[in-house]
Amino acid sequence: MNKHHLKAFIIGTAFVISCQAEEINPDKAISTTPSSLEVLGKVAGTYKGMNSYQDKGVSFTEFKSSGTNYTIERHFTTTFSRPDQFRFEFTQPAAGGIGTDSYVVWMKNKEVKSWWTIGSKVEAHESLGHAISGATGVSGGTAYTIPSILLNEAAWKNETWVSTSDSYRIDDGIERGIDCFRVQRLTSTKANVVHGIEIPSSKGKVTYWVSKTDYLLLRIDEETNFGSFSTFSKVQYFPIFNTVIPDEAFNFGH
């Protein structure tokens, strides 16, 4: 997360840092077939085998402390066609509540560019991974989750949510009428200082909702305790895959 991205995060969170956050407890693990690793392995194979992928999604992140709640709503789209055409965009309300912020990442014929409302200029990147890393924090992670399992070059050190070894299954669920496996893992980060700004340590859990019929990711729930405040997020994906996408869908522009 660079200095500009960190500022965007702080703007969204600083006002709720006031008191003890709610405790976050893991859900009860179940022992059944397929295992969480088998589910995630099939997800990885499904996305790696796609010739094309498109989604529209929405993310809600609530920042919560005693007596103070605030929710950020983000919308995003992903468009991808093998071997090397890609576009990701997200939008959210601008700081101060006036207008919107947008972030776009493109790759076409191995040329990678990005554009962000902050700075309002097109930047060239050495790799897709570099461009994706810049968008990950401010997009609430949506810039990384799907692209990282579609393209190796989008993943940092090949680490993705489907490669985790400490996951476990919890009770199945239904998302938009679709039967889903639910895979959960615990999360934690250490306190850090970035660009002179103190980032608190955190503990939490993240739950992935995977359709049982085609092993597509449909939803993510995440809860994180930062000690003095908590965040609760829900991300919904509306994916389609292996359809013909016109070349102009990947043209540079915003």
Protein backbone atom coordinates (compact mmCIF):
# COMPACT_ATOMS: atom_id res chain seq x y z
CA MET A 1 0.00 0.00 0.00
CA ASN A 2 1.67 3.25 -1.08
CA LYS A 3 1.29 6.64 0.63
CA HIS A 4 -1.76 7.70 -1.38
CA HIS A 5 -3.49 4.36 -0.80
CA LEU A 6 -2.73 4.54 2.91
CA LYS A 7 -4.29 7.99 3.12
CA ALA A 8 -7.42 6.65 1.47
CA PHE A 9 -7.60 3.87 4.07
CA ILE A 10 -7.05 6.25 6.97
CA ILE A 11 -9.75 8.64 5.74
CA GLY A 12 -12.22 5.77 5.88
CA THR A 13 -11.20 4.47 9.30
CA ALA A 14 -9.73 7.18 11.50
CA PHE A 15 -13.01 8.59 12.77
CA VAL A 16 -14.10 5.26 14.31
CA ILE A 17 -10.95 4.68 16.37
CA SER A 18 -12.43 5.37 19.75
CA CYS A 19 -13.12 2.31 21.91
CA GLN A 20 -12.90 -1.45 22.25
CA ALA A 21 -14.12 -3.42 19.23
CA GLU A 22 -16.42 -6.42 19.30
CA GLU A 23 -14.81 -9.83 19.75
CA ILE A 24 -14.72 -12.00 16.62
CA ASN A 25 -15.03 -15.75 17.04
CA PRO A 26 -14.51 -18.48 14.42
CA ASP A 27 -17.46 -20.53 13.25
CA LYS A 28 -17.65 -24.23 14.14
CA ALA A 29 -15.57 -26.33 11.77
CA ILE A 30 -17.16 -29.41 10.21
CA SER A 31 -15.44 -32.59 9.08
CA THR A 32 -16.94 -33.80 5.82
CA THR A 33 -16.14 -34.50 2.19
CA PRO A 34 -14.92 -32.65 0.21
CA SER A 35 -12.39 -31.01 2.52
CA SER A 36 -11.68 -27.29 2.38
CA LEU A 37 -8.44 -27.97 0.51
CA GLU A 38 -10.30 -30.07 -2.06
CA VAL A 39 -12.88 -27.32 -2.56
CA LEU A 40 -10.22 -24.66 -3.00
CA GLY A 41 -8.23 -26.91 -5.31
CA LYS A 42 -11.24 -27.30 -7.59
CA VAL A 43 -11.78 -23.54 -7.52
CA ALA A 44 -8.17 -23.01 -8.62
CA GLY A 45 -8.56 -25.48 -11.48
CA THR A 46 -11.83 -23.91 -12.59
CA TYR A 47 -10.42 -20.39 -12.90
CA LYS A 48 -7.13 -21.51 -14.46
CA GLY A 49 -9.12 -23.39 -17.10
CA MET A 50 -11.27 -20.43 -18.15
CA ASN A 51 -10.75 -18.92 -21.59
CA SER A 52 -12.56 -15.77 -20.52
CA TYR A 53 -14.15 -14.33 -17.39
CA GLN A 54 -16.36 -11.37 -16.57
CA ASP A 55 -17.99 -10.23 -13.36
CA LYS A 56 -19.85 -7.36 -11.81
CA GLY A 57 -19.67 -7.10 -8.07
CA VAL A 58 -20.45 -5.01 -5.04
CA SER A 59 -18.59 -4.68 -1.75
CA PHE A 60 -19.94 -3.30 1.51
CA THR A 61 -17.49 -2.49 4.32
CA GLU A 62 -18.81 -1.31 7.67
CA PHE A 63 -16.49 0.42 10.13
CA LYS A 64 -17.86 0.00 13.62
CA SER A 65 -17.10 1.19 17.15
CA SER A 66 -19.32 2.00 20.12
CA GLY A 67 -22.07 4.30 18.87
CA THR A 68 -20.41 4.94 15.50
CA ASN A 69 -21.06 3.03 12.27
CA TYR A 70 -20.04 3.92 8.75
CA THR A 71 -20.38 1.88 5.56
CA ILE A 72 -18.44 2.21 2.30
CA GLU A 73 -20.06 0.74 -0.82
CA ARG A 74 -17.79 -0.13 -3.74
CA HIS A 75 -18.74 -1.42 -7.18
CA PHE A 76 -16.31 -3.28 -9.40
CA THR A 77 -16.02 -5.11 -12.72
CA THR A 78 -13.49 -7.64 -14.00
CA THR A 79 -13.01 -8.54 -17.66
CA PHE A 80 -10.44 -11.10 -18.81
CA SER A 81 -9.60 -13.01 -21.99
CA ARG A 82 -6.63 -15.31 -22.46
CA PRO A 83 -3.81 -14.99 -23.02
CA ASP A 84 -3.17 -11.36 -22.05
CA GLN A 85 -6.21 -9.10 -22.06
CA PHE A 86 -7.48 -7.80 -18.76
CA ARG A 87 -9.43 -4.93 -17.25
CA PHE A 88 -10.47 -4.21 -13.66
CA GLU A 89 -12.31 -1.14 -12.39
CA PHE A 90 -13.82 -0.14 -9.07
CA THR A 91 -15.68 2.94 -7.94
CA GLN A 92 -16.58 4.26 -4.50
CA PRO A 93 -17.79 7.56 -2.97
CA ALA A 94 -15.01 10.14 -2.83
CA ALA A 95 -13.69 11.36 0.50
CA GLY A 96 -15.99 14.06 1.79
CA GLY A 97 -19.00 12.51 0.07
CA ILE A 98 -18.73 14.61 -3.09
CA GLY A 99 -18.40 12.67 -6.35
CA THR A 100 -16.78 9.25 -6.79
CA ASP A 101 -13.29 7.78 -6.88
CA SER A 102 -12.40 5.30 -9.62
CA TYR A 103 -9.40 3.04 -10.20
CA VAL A 104 -8.80 1.19 -13.47
CA VAL A 105 -6.15 -1.40 -14.37
CA TRP A 106 -5.68 -2.61 -17.95
CA MET A 107 -3.48 -5.16 -19.68
CA LYS A 108 -3.49 -5.59 -23.45
CA ASN A 109 -0.77 -7.36 -25.43
CA LYS A 110 1.45 -7.33 -22.32
CA GLU A 111 1.18 -3.55 -21.99
CA VAL A 112 -0.06 -2.64 -18.49
CA LYS A 113 -1.51 0.69 -17.39
CA SER A 114 -3.60 2.11 -14.58
CA TRP A 115 -5.57 5.26 -13.82
CA TRP A 116 -6.84 6.59 -10.51
CA THR A 117 -9.01 9.59 -9.74
CA ILE A 118 -6.34 10.70 -7.25
CA GLY A 119 -3.64 12.07 -9.51
CA SER A 120 -5.90 11.68 -12.55
CA LYS A 121 -3.22 10.39 -14.89
CA VAL A 122 -2.50 7.16 -16.74
CA GLU A 123 0.52 5.29 -15.37
CA ALA A 124 2.50 2.54 -17.10
CA HIS A 125 3.55 -0.51 -15.04
CA GLU A 126 6.30 -3.07 -15.34
CA SER A 127 3.87 -5.91 -14.70
CA LEU A 128 0.23 -6.68 -14.00
CA GLY A 129 1.18 -7.69 -10.48
CA HIS A 130 2.61 -4.23 -9.84
CA ALA A 131 -0.56 -2.53 -11.09
CA ILE A 132 -2.82 -4.87 -9.12
CA SER A 133 -0.88 -4.29 -5.89
CA GLY A 134 -1.53 -0.58 -6.19
CA ALA A 135 -5.28 -1.10 -6.43
CA THR A 136 -5.65 -3.89 -3.85
CA GLY A 137 -5.88 -1.91 -0.60
CA VAL A 138 -8.13 0.89 -1.80
CA SER A 139 -10.46 -1.56 -3.58
CA GLY A 140 -11.06 -3.54 -0.40
CA GLY A 141 -9.13 -6.48 -1.87
CA THR A 142 -11.41 -6.92 -4.88
CA ALA A 143 -8.61 -6.01 -7.29
CA TYR A 144 -6.65 -9.05 -6.09
CA THR A 145 -9.06 -11.84 -5.22
CA ILE A 146 -10.19 -12.96 -8.69
CA PRO A 147 -7.32 -11.68 -10.89
CA SER A 148 -4.76 -13.52 -8.73
CA ILE A 149 -6.34 -16.89 -9.50
CA LEU A 150 -6.93 -16.14 -13.18
CA LEU A 151 -3.35 -15.06 -13.92
CA ASN A 152 -0.13 -16.10 -12.19
CA GLU A 153 1.39 -12.68 -12.91
CA ALA A 154 -1.33 -10.99 -10.86
CA ALA A 155 -0.49 -12.97 -7.71
CA TRP A 156 2.10 -11.78 -5.22
CA LYS A 157 4.63 -14.61 -4.71
CA ASN A 158 1.92 -17.00 -6.00
CA GLU A 159 -0.03 -16.49 -2.77
CA THR A 160 -3.80 -16.54 -3.24
CA TRP A 161 -6.83 -17.37 -1.15
CA VAL A 162 -7.09 -20.79 -2.84
CA SER A 163 -3.51 -21.72 -1.85
CA THR A 164 -4.01 -21.28 1.90
CA SER A 165 -3.37 -24.43 3.95
CA ASP A 166 -5.05 -23.34 7.19
CA SER A 167 -8.65 -23.24 5.99
CA TYR A 168 -11.57 -25.31 7.23
CA ARG A 169 -15.13 -25.93 6.16
CA ILE A 170 -18.10 -24.59 8.07
CA ASP A 171 -21.80 -25.28 7.51
CA ASP A 172 -22.93 -24.90 3.91
CA GLY A 173 -24.98 -21.90 2.87
CA ILE A 174 -27.26 -20.59 0.13
CA GLU A 175 -26.33 -17.45 -1.80
CA ARG A 176 -28.92 -16.04 -4.22
CA GLY A 177 -30.63 -19.44 -4.34
CA ILE A 178 -27.39 -21.32 -5.09
CA ASP A 179 -26.06 -24.07 -2.79
CA CYS A 180 -22.55 -23.18 -1.63
CA PHE A 181 -19.63 -24.69 0.20
CA ARG A 182 -18.38 -22.29 2.85
CA VAL A 183 -14.65 -22.25 3.56
CA GLN A 184 -13.24 -20.16 6.38
CA ARG A 185 -9.83 -19.17 7.67
CA LEU A 186 -8.57 -16.98 10.49
CA THR A 187 -6.56 -13.84 9.77
CA SER A 188 -4.07 -11.74 11.70
CA THR A 189 -1.65 -8.89 11.07
CA LYS A 190 1.07 -7.29 13.16
CA ALA A 191 1.13 -3.61 14.09
CA ASN A 192 3.17 -1.57 11.66
CA VAL A 193 4.20 1.99 10.83
CA VAL A 194 3.91 3.01 7.18
CA HIS A 195 4.89 6.49 6.03
CA GLY A 196 4.79 7.61 9.66
CA ILE A 197 1.23 6.35 10.18
CA GLU A 198 0.58 3.67 12.81
CA ILE A 199 -1.43 0.71 11.52
CA PRO A 200 -2.82 -1.39 14.41
CA SER A 201 -2.55 -5.15 14.68
CA SER A 202 -5.66 -7.14 13.81
CA LYS A 203 -7.38 -10.49 14.16
CA GLY A 204 -10.35 -11.76 12.22
CA LYS A 205 -11.91 -14.34 9.95
CA VAL A 206 -12.84 -14.55 6.28
CA THR A 207 -15.46 -16.86 4.75
CA TYR A 208 -15.62 -17.82 1.07
CA TRP A 209 -18.90 -18.93 -0.50
CA VAL A 210 -18.25 -21.30 -3.43
CA SER A 211 -21.03 -22.65 -5.64
CA LYS A 212 -21.32 -26.43 -5.45
CA THR A 213 -22.18 -26.89 -9.14
CA ASP A 214 -19.33 -25.02 -10.86
CA TYR A 215 -16.91 -23.98 -8.08
CA LEU A 216 -17.28 -20.26 -8.71
CA LEU A 217 -16.73 -17.72 -5.96
CA LEU A 218 -20.03 -15.96 -5.25
CA ARG A 219 -19.43 -14.17 -1.97
CA ILE A 220 -16.89 -13.28 0.70
CA ASP A 221 -17.64 -12.29 4.30
CA GLU A 222 -14.84 -10.82 6.39
CA GLU A 223 -14.72 -9.60 9.98
CA THR A 224 -11.64 -7.93 11.45
CA ASN A 225 -10.92 -6.63 14.95
CA PHE A 226 -8.33 -3.83 15.11
CA GLY A 227 -8.59 -3.49 18.89
CA SER A 228 -10.24 -0.07 18.94
CA PHE A 229 -12.62 -0.66 16.04
CA SER A 230 -13.93 -3.46 13.84
CA THR A 231 -14.67 -3.83 10.15
CA PHE A 232 -17.30 -6.08 8.62
CA SER A 233 -17.35 -6.60 4.86
CA LYS A 234 -19.48 -8.49 2.37
CA VAL A 235 -18.47 -8.90 -1.27
CA GLN A 236 -20.83 -10.39 -3.86
CA TYR A 237 -19.69 -11.62 -7.27
CA PHE A 238 -21.91 -12.05 -10.33
CA PRO A 239 -19.67 -14.01 -12.71
CA ILE A 240 -19.96 -15.38 -16.24
CA PHE A 241 -17.21 -17.22 -18.08
CA ASN A 242 -16.10 -18.72 -21.41
CA THR A 243 -18.02 -16.21 -23.52
CA VAL A 244 -16.65 -14.18 -26.43
CA ILE A 245 -15.43 -10.73 -25.31
CA PRO A 246 -14.76 -8.13 -28.03
CA ASP A 247 -11.23 -6.69 -28.18
CA GLU A 248 -12.51 -3.16 -27.67
CA ALA A 249 -13.57 -4.10 -24.13
CA PHE A 250 -9.86 -3.93 -23.21
CA ASN A 251 -8.97 -0.62 -24.85
CA PHE A 252 -7.15 1.84 -22.63
CA GLY A 253 -9.51 4.54 -21.44
CA HIS A 254 -11.77 5.41 -18.54
